[in-house]
C-alpha atoms as a PDB file:
ATOM      1  CA  MET A   1      55.733 -50.569 -31.780  1.00  0.00           C
ATOM      2  CA  MET A   2      56.042 -46.826 -33.375  1.00  0.00           C
ATOM      3  CA  PRO A   3      59.102 -45.208 -31.783  1.00  0.00           C
ATOM      4  CA  PHE A   4      57.341 -42.302 -29.491  1.00  0.00           C
ATOM      5  CA  LYS A   5      58.097 -38.783 -31.412  1.00  0.00           C
ATOM      6  CA  ALA A   6      56.239 -36.449 -29.094  1.00  0.00           C
ATOM      7  CA  THR A   7      58.967 -33.893 -28.344  1.00  0.00           C
ATOM      8  CA  ALA A   8      58.673 -31.272 -25.420  1.00  0.00           C
ATOM      9  CA  MET A   9      58.094 -27.973 -27.906  1.00  0.00           C
ATOM     10  CA  LYS A  10      54.888 -29.999 -29.197  1.00  0.00           C
ATOM     11  CA  ALA A  11      53.917 -30.572 -25.943  1.00  0.00           C
ATOM     12  CA  GLY A  12      54.142 -26.887 -24.798  1.00  0.00           C
ATOM     13  CA  LEU A  13      56.842 -27.418 -22.346  1.00  0.00           C
ATOM     14  CA  MET A  14      60.137 -25.676 -22.003  1.00  0.00           C
ATOM     15  CA  SER A  15      62.857 -25.009 -19.225  1.00  0.00           C
ATOM     16  CA  CYS A  16      65.306 -22.700 -18.798  1.00  0.00           C
ATOM     17  CA  HIS A  17      68.837 -22.434 -19.591  1.00  0.00           C
ATOM     18  CA  ASP A  18      69.406 -20.830 -16.479  1.00  0.00           C
ATOM     19  CA  CYS A  19      67.834 -22.213 -13.425  1.00  0.00           C
ATOM     20  CA  GLY A  20      66.804 -25.160 -15.668  1.00  0.00           C
ATOM     21  CA  LYS A  21      62.746 -24.908 -14.155  1.00  0.00           C
ATOM     22  CA  LEU A  22      60.601 -26.862 -16.771  1.00  0.00           C
ATOM     23  CA  LEU A  23      57.385 -24.450 -17.520  1.00  0.00           C
ATOM     24  CA  LYS A  24      54.197 -25.088 -19.567  1.00  0.00           C
ATOM     25  CA  THR A  25      53.548 -22.792 -22.071  1.00  0.00           C
ATOM     26  CA  ARG A  26      49.634 -22.493 -23.935  1.00  0.00           C
ATOM     27  CA  GLU A  27      51.026 -21.591 -26.935  1.00  0.00           C
ATOM     28  CA  THR A  28      54.006 -24.060 -28.624  1.00  0.00           C
ATOM     29  CA  VAL A  29      55.387 -21.350 -30.950  1.00  0.00           C
ATOM     30  CA  LYS A  30      58.440 -22.285 -32.049  1.00  0.00           C
ATOM     31  CA  ASN A  31      60.355 -18.892 -31.601  1.00  0.00           C
ATOM     32  CA  GLU A  32      57.911 -17.920 -28.734  1.00  0.00           C
ATOM     33  CA  VAL A  33      60.306 -15.653 -25.923  1.00  0.00           C
ATOM     34  CA  LEU A  34      59.016 -15.771 -22.137  1.00  0.00           C
ATOM     35  CA  THR A  35      60.506 -14.902 -18.887  1.00  0.00           C
ATOM     36  CA  CYS A  36      61.469 -17.128 -16.278  1.00  0.00           C
ATOM     37  CA  PRO A  37      59.483 -16.963 -13.225  1.00  0.00           C
ATOM     38  CA  ARG A  38      61.879 -18.377 -10.970  1.00  0.00           C
ATOM     39  CA  CYS A  39      65.220 -16.350 -12.296  1.00  0.00           C
ATOM     40  CA  ASN A  40      63.198 -13.639 -14.687  1.00  0.00           C
ATOM     41  CA  ALA A  41      66.121 -15.006 -17.460  1.00  0.00           C
ATOM     42  CA  GLU A  42      64.232 -14.676 -21.101  1.00  0.00           C
ATOM     43  CA  ILE A  43      63.343 -18.604 -21.889  1.00  0.00           C
ATOM     44  CA  HIS A  44      62.679 -19.575 -25.790  1.00  0.00           C
ATOM     45  CA  PHE A  45      61.807 -23.155 -27.367  1.00  0.00           C
ATOM     46  CA  ARG A  46      65.056 -23.106 -29.351  1.00  0.00           C
ATOM     47  CA  LYS A  47      67.672 -20.090 -29.417  1.00  0.00           C
ATOM     48  CA  PRO A  48      66.773 -17.465 -31.361  1.00  0.00           C
ATOM     49  CA  HIS A  49      68.592 -17.439 -35.074  1.00  0.00           C
ATOM     50  CA  SER A  50      70.839 -20.422 -33.980  1.00  0.00           C
ATOM     51  CA  LEU A  51      71.518 -21.501 -37.558  1.00  0.00           C
ATOM     52  CA  THR A  52      72.030 -18.262 -38.969  1.00  0.00           C
ATOM     53  CA  ARG A  53      74.942 -17.051 -36.144  1.00  0.00           C
ATOM     54  CA  VAL A  54      76.484 -20.550 -36.471  1.00  0.00           C
ATOM     55  CA  TRP A  55      76.787 -20.673 -39.896  1.00  0.00           C
ATOM     56  CA  ALA A  56      78.491 -16.812 -39.844  1.00  0.00           C
ATOM     57  CA  LEU A  57      80.822 -17.940 -37.325  1.00  0.00           C
ATOM     58  CA  ILE A  58      82.054 -21.085 -39.058  1.00  0.00           C
ATOM     59  CA  ILE A  59      82.314 -19.639 -42.186  1.00  0.00           C
ATOM     60  CA  THR A  60      84.594 -16.602 -40.368  1.00  0.00           C
ATOM     61  CA  SER A  61      86.480 -19.320 -38.785  1.00  0.00           C
ATOM     62  CA  ILE A  62      87.246 -20.859 -42.471  1.00  0.00           C
ATOM     63  CA  LEU A  63      88.335 -17.887 -43.625  1.00  0.00           C
ATOM     64  CA  LEU A  64      90.299 -17.222 -40.066  1.00  0.00           C
ATOM     65  CA  PHE A  65      92.111 -20.890 -40.547  1.00  0.00           C
ATOM     66  CA  ILE A  66      93.760 -20.143 -43.765  1.00  0.00           C
ATOM     67  CA  PRO A  67      95.877 -17.089 -42.877  1.00  0.00           C
ATOM     68  CA  ALA A  68      96.274 -19.386 -39.516  1.00  0.00           C
ATOM     69  CA  ASN A  69      98.304 -21.863 -41.715  1.00  0.00           C
ATOM     70  CA  LEU A  70     100.324 -19.651 -43.840  1.00  0.00           C
ATOM     71  CA  LEU A  71     101.594 -16.420 -41.592  1.00  0.00           C
ATOM     72  CA  PRO A  72     104.158 -17.169 -39.380  1.00  0.00           C
ATOM     73  CA  ILE A  73     103.187 -18.025 -35.502  1.00  0.00           C
ATOM     74  CA  MET A  74     106.361 -17.377 -34.249  1.00  0.00           C
ATOM     75  CA  ARG A  75     109.633 -15.800 -34.485  1.00  0.00           C
ATOM     76  CA  VAL A  76     112.867 -16.405 -33.164  1.00  0.00           C
ATOM     77  CA  ASN A  77     115.463 -13.409 -32.594  1.00  0.00           C
ATOM     78  CA  PHE A  78     119.272 -15.986 -32.239  1.00  0.00           C
ATOM     79  CA  LEU A  79     122.023 -13.175 -32.075  1.00  0.00           C
ATOM     80  CA  GLY A  80     120.366 -10.657 -34.106  1.00  0.00           C
ATOM     81  CA  THR A  81     119.022 -13.261 -37.106  1.00  0.00           C
ATOM     82  CA  MET A  82     115.307 -13.011 -37.060  1.00  0.00           C
ATOM     83  CA  GLU A  83     113.458 -16.303 -37.942  1.00  0.00           C
ATOM     84  CA  SER A  84     110.024 -16.907 -38.414  1.00  0.00           C
ATOM     85  CA  SER A  85     108.247 -20.244 -38.242  1.00  0.00           C
ATOM     86  CA  THR A  86     105.047 -21.578 -39.435  1.00  0.00           C
ATOM     87  CA  ILE A  87     102.427 -23.719 -37.299  1.00  0.00           C
ATOM     88  CA  MET A  88     103.627 -26.814 -40.172  1.00  0.00           C
ATOM     89  CA  ASP A  89     107.423 -25.513 -39.517  1.00  0.00           C
ATOM     90  CA  GLY A  90     106.931 -26.654 -36.186  1.00  0.00           C
ATOM     91  CA  ILE A  91     105.530 -29.598 -36.399  1.00  0.00           C
ATOM     92  CA  VAL A  92     108.154 -30.700 -39.533  1.00  0.00           C
ATOM     93  CA  TYR A  93     111.316 -29.341 -37.131  1.00  0.00           C
ATOM     94  CA  PHE A  94     109.642 -31.480 -34.373  1.00  0.00           C
ATOM     95  CA  PHE A  95     109.275 -34.659 -36.547  1.00  0.00           C
ATOM     96  CA  HIS A  96     112.932 -33.805 -37.606  1.00  0.00           C
ATOM     97  CA  GLU A  97     114.298 -34.013 -34.498  1.00  0.00           C
ATOM     98  CA  ASP A  98     112.614 -37.600 -33.657  1.00  0.00           C
ATOM     99  CA  GLU A  99     110.501 -35.953 -31.057  1.00  0.00           C
ATOM    100  CA  TYR A 100     107.397 -37.342 -32.818  1.00  0.00           C
ATOM    101  CA  PHE A 101     104.893 -37.185 -29.864  1.00  0.00           C
ATOM    102  CA  ILE A 102     105.498 -33.317 -29.552  1.00  0.00           C
ATOM    103  CA  GLY A 103     105.084 -33.443 -33.128  1.00  0.00           C
ATOM    104  CA  LEU A 104     101.709 -35.363 -32.759  1.00  0.00           C
ATOM    105  CA  ILE A 105     100.338 -33.582 -30.078  1.00  0.00           C
ATOM    106  CA  ILE A 106     100.987 -29.620 -32.372  1.00  0.00           C
ATOM    107  CA  PHE A 107      99.267 -31.139 -35.223  1.00  0.00           C
ATOM    108  CA  THR A 108      96.587 -32.629 -33.807  1.00  0.00           C
ATOM    109  CA  ALA A 109      95.402 -29.278 -31.627  1.00  0.00           C
ATOM    110  CA  SER A 110      96.334 -27.227 -34.077  1.00  0.00           C
ATOM    111  CA  VAL A 111      95.455 -28.780 -37.777  1.00  0.00           C
ATOM    112  CA  LEU A 112      93.437 -31.820 -36.768  1.00  0.00           C
ATOM    113  CA  VAL A 113      91.063 -30.272 -34.357  1.00  0.00           C
ATOM    114  CA  PRO A 114      90.179 -27.501 -35.732  1.00  0.00           C
ATOM    115  CA  THR A 115      89.283 -28.953 -39.084  1.00  0.00           C
ATOM    116  CA  PHE A 116      87.117 -31.576 -37.204  1.00  0.00           C
ATOM    117  CA  LYS A 117      85.761 -29.264 -35.171  1.00  0.00           C
ATOM    118  CA  ILE A 118      85.015 -27.017 -38.788  1.00  0.00           C
ATOM    119  CA  ILE A 119      84.106 -30.160 -40.861  1.00  0.00           C
ATOM    120  CA  GLY A 120      81.692 -31.837 -38.102  1.00  0.00           C
ATOM    121  CA  MET A 121      79.564 -28.464 -37.404  1.00  0.00           C
ATOM    122  CA  ILE A 122      79.167 -28.090 -41.298  1.00  0.00           C
ATOM    123  CA  ILE A 123      78.074 -31.586 -41.291  1.00  0.00           C
ATOM    124  CA  ILE A 124      75.295 -31.159 -38.411  1.00  0.00           C
ATOM    125  CA  LEU A 125      73.833 -27.644 -40.028  1.00  0.00           C
ATOM    126  CA  LEU A 126      73.474 -29.312 -43.231  1.00  0.00           C
ATOM    127  CA  SER A 127      71.947 -32.203 -42.010  1.00  0.00           C
ATOM    128  CA  ILE A 128      69.581 -29.785 -40.561  1.00  0.00           C
ATOM    129  CA  HIS A 129      68.900 -27.826 -43.892  1.00  0.00           C
ATOM    130  CA  PHE A 130      68.355 -30.411 -45.783  1.00  0.00           C
ATOM    131  CA  LYS A 131      66.382 -32.695 -42.751  1.00  0.00           C
ATOM    132  CA  TRP A 132      69.180 -35.646 -43.154  1.00  0.00           C
ATOM    133  CA  LYS A 133      67.157 -38.023 -40.569  1.00  0.00           C
ATOM    134  CA  ARG A 134      69.960 -40.831 -40.482  1.00  0.00           C
ATOM    135  CA  GLY A 135      72.135 -41.397 -37.674  1.00  0.00           C
ATOM    136  CA  LEU A 136      70.841 -38.276 -35.665  1.00  0.00           C
ATOM    137  CA  ARG A 137      72.409 -39.953 -32.494  1.00  0.00           C
ATOM    138  CA  HIS A 138      75.604 -40.067 -34.023  1.00  0.00           C
ATOM    139  CA  LYS A 139      75.311 -36.416 -34.959  1.00  0.00           C
ATOM    140  CA  ILE A 140      74.524 -35.596 -31.267  1.00  0.00           C
ATOM    141  CA  ALA A 141      77.506 -37.472 -30.369  1.00  0.00           C
ATOM    142  CA  MET A 142      79.738 -35.904 -32.534  1.00  0.00           C
ATOM    143  CA  PHE A 143      78.439 -32.504 -31.435  1.00  0.00           C
ATOM    144  CA  ARG A 144      79.107 -33.617 -28.008  1.00  0.00           C
ATOM    145  CA  PHE A 145      82.765 -34.435 -29.003  1.00  0.00           C
ATOM    146  CA  ILE A 146      83.243 -30.919 -30.864  1.00  0.00           C
ATOM    147  CA  GLU A 147      82.565 -29.068 -27.120  1.00  0.00           C
ATOM    148  CA  PHE A 148      84.362 -31.188 -24.975  1.00  0.00           C
ATOM    149  CA  ILE A 149      87.812 -31.140 -27.522  1.00  0.00           C
ATOM    150  CA  GLY A 150      87.413 -27.205 -27.558  1.00  0.00           C
ATOM    151  CA  ARG A 151      89.053 -26.536 -24.179  1.00  0.00           C
ATOM    152  CA  TRP A 152      92.127 -28.333 -25.943  1.00  0.00           C
ATOM    153  CA  SER A 153      92.190 -25.697 -29.221  1.00  0.00           C
ATOM    154  CA  MET A 154      94.569 -23.132 -27.597  1.00  0.00           C
ATOM    155  CA  LEU A 155      97.531 -25.570 -26.612  1.00  0.00           C
ATOM    156  CA  ASP A 156      99.466 -24.221 -29.583  1.00  0.00           C
ATOM    157  CA  ILE A 157      98.825 -20.743 -28.239  1.00  0.00           C
ATOM    158  CA  PHE A 158     100.249 -21.839 -24.497  1.00  0.00           C
ATOM    159  CA  VAL A 159     103.326 -23.437 -26.219  1.00  0.00           C
ATOM    160  CA  ILE A 160     104.354 -19.993 -27.556  1.00  0.00           C
ATOM    161  CA  ALA A 161     103.443 -18.110 -24.517  1.00  0.00           C
ATOM    162  CA  LEU A 162     105.355 -20.846 -22.203  1.00  0.00           C
ATOM    163  CA  MET A 163     108.495 -20.585 -24.912  1.00  0.00           C
ATOM    164  CA  SER A 164     108.385 -16.856 -24.637  1.00  0.00           C
ATOM    165  CA  THR A 165     108.845 -16.871 -21.191  1.00  0.00           C
ATOM    166  CA  LEU A 166     111.380 -19.228 -21.171  1.00  0.00           C
ATOM    167  CA  VAL A 167     113.695 -19.105 -24.075  1.00  0.00           C
ATOM    168  CA  SER A 168     114.843 -15.390 -23.397  1.00  0.00           C
ATOM    169  CA  PHE A 169     118.325 -14.968 -22.960  1.00  0.00           C
ATOM    170  CA  GLY A 170     118.603 -11.495 -22.800  1.00  0.00           C
ATOM    171  CA  GLY A 171     120.056 -10.025 -26.415  1.00  0.00           C
ATOM    172  CA  PHE A 172     120.877 -13.804 -27.265  1.00  0.00           C
ATOM    173  CA  THR A 173     117.906 -15.168 -27.650  1.00  0.00           C
ATOM    174  CA  SER A 174     114.523 -13.894 -27.272  1.00  0.00           C
ATOM    175  CA  THR A 175     110.744 -15.376 -28.703  1.00  0.00           C
ATOM    176  CA  ILE A 176     108.107 -13.234 -29.773  1.00  0.00           C
ATOM    177  CA  ALA A 177     104.292 -14.155 -30.930  1.00  0.00           C
ATOM    178  CA  ALA A 178     103.981 -13.417 -34.914  1.00  0.00           C
ATOM    179  CA  PRO A 179     100.594 -12.403 -36.602  1.00  0.00           C
ATOM    180  CA  ALA A 180      99.177 -15.872 -37.104  1.00  0.00           C
ATOM    181  CA  VAL A 181      98.495 -16.247 -33.397  1.00  0.00           C
ATOM    182  CA  THR A 182      95.791 -13.668 -33.972  1.00  0.00           C
ATOM    183  CA  TYR A 183      94.015 -15.558 -36.331  1.00  0.00           C
ATOM    184  CA  PHE A 184      94.297 -19.210 -34.718  1.00  0.00           C
ATOM    185  CA  SER A 185      93.168 -17.430 -31.340  1.00  0.00           C
ATOM    186  CA  ALA A 186      89.631 -16.107 -33.701  1.00  0.00           C
ATOM    187  CA  VAL A 187      89.444 -19.574 -35.054  1.00  0.00           C
ATOM    188  CA  VAL A 188      89.407 -21.274 -31.837  1.00  0.00           C
ATOM    189  CA  VAL A 189      87.298 -17.936 -30.340  1.00  0.00           C
ATOM    190  CA  CYS A 190      84.753 -18.981 -33.397  1.00  0.00           C
ATOM    191  CA  THR A 191      83.877 -22.252 -33.511  1.00  0.00           C
ATOM    192  CA  MET A 192      83.671 -22.199 -29.526  1.00  0.00           C
ATOM    193  CA  SER A 193      81.268 -19.839 -29.991  1.00  0.00           C
ATOM    194  CA  ALA A 194      79.998 -21.450 -32.529  1.00  0.00           C
ATOM    195  CA  ALA A 195      79.085 -24.697 -30.437  1.00  0.00           C
ATOM    196  CA  LEU A 196      77.932 -22.670 -27.523  1.00  0.00           C
ATOM    197  CA  THR A 197      75.237 -21.017 -29.807  1.00  0.00           C
ATOM    198  CA  PHE A 198      74.385 -24.189 -31.848  1.00  0.00           C
ATOM    199  CA  ASP A 199      71.093 -25.261 -30.292  1.00  0.00           C
ATOM    200  CA  SER A 200      70.945 -29.145 -30.776  1.00  0.00           C
ATOM    201  CA  ARG A 201      67.825 -29.501 -30.223  1.00  0.00           C
ATOM    202  CA  LEU A 202      66.768 -28.717 -34.124  1.00  0.00           C
ATOM    203  CA  LEU A 203      68.688 -31.980 -34.967  1.00  0.00           C
ATOM    204  CA  TRP A 204      65.806 -33.318 -33.475  1.00  0.00           C
ATOM    205  CA  ASP A 205      63.007 -31.122 -35.063  1.00  0.00           C
ATOM    206  CA  ALA A 206      63.630 -32.569 -38.523  1.00  0.00           C
ATOM    207  CA  ASN A 207      62.818 -35.979 -37.126  1.00  0.00           C
END
């Protein structure tokens, strides 16, 4: 038996993203924009310009990810001596101190998670562009995982904020955030925005 490939868009059906109401339209235009009769929200078959916006956000994330890892993310002032450290410096420090669990958490949240999100979104976008039909279910599962892990991307920033509050002994020791914090936060915002902007239904349009 051949698989049933009918879609809601082909059937002229669309759902409101705000209230979930299912609507029947007369014309199945891909970029048609209507208004929901229940909540008066703008509805459409697919998010307008979704791919263009996601590509822009992902490219921006890649550009920001470089200084986020190369520039110092934290500065410690100990008895008048200022020391700066990057993300990798902190990870190496914890591993040298046999704090493998903390080092692994920081490495995962600061390096692996952003890298996975960027590479994963690029694979998904290329699949749509080149109309790759294989492994669509796996790509959808990967996208859902990218959405899920997005909430843990700010773990490194939380650690720095906590240390800045706790590790402060007047003029003896103080901890302040360094420029890389801004870049890293921007990477997190861009990758999370890319996941929110992306319309996963575009993967199935090529099927």
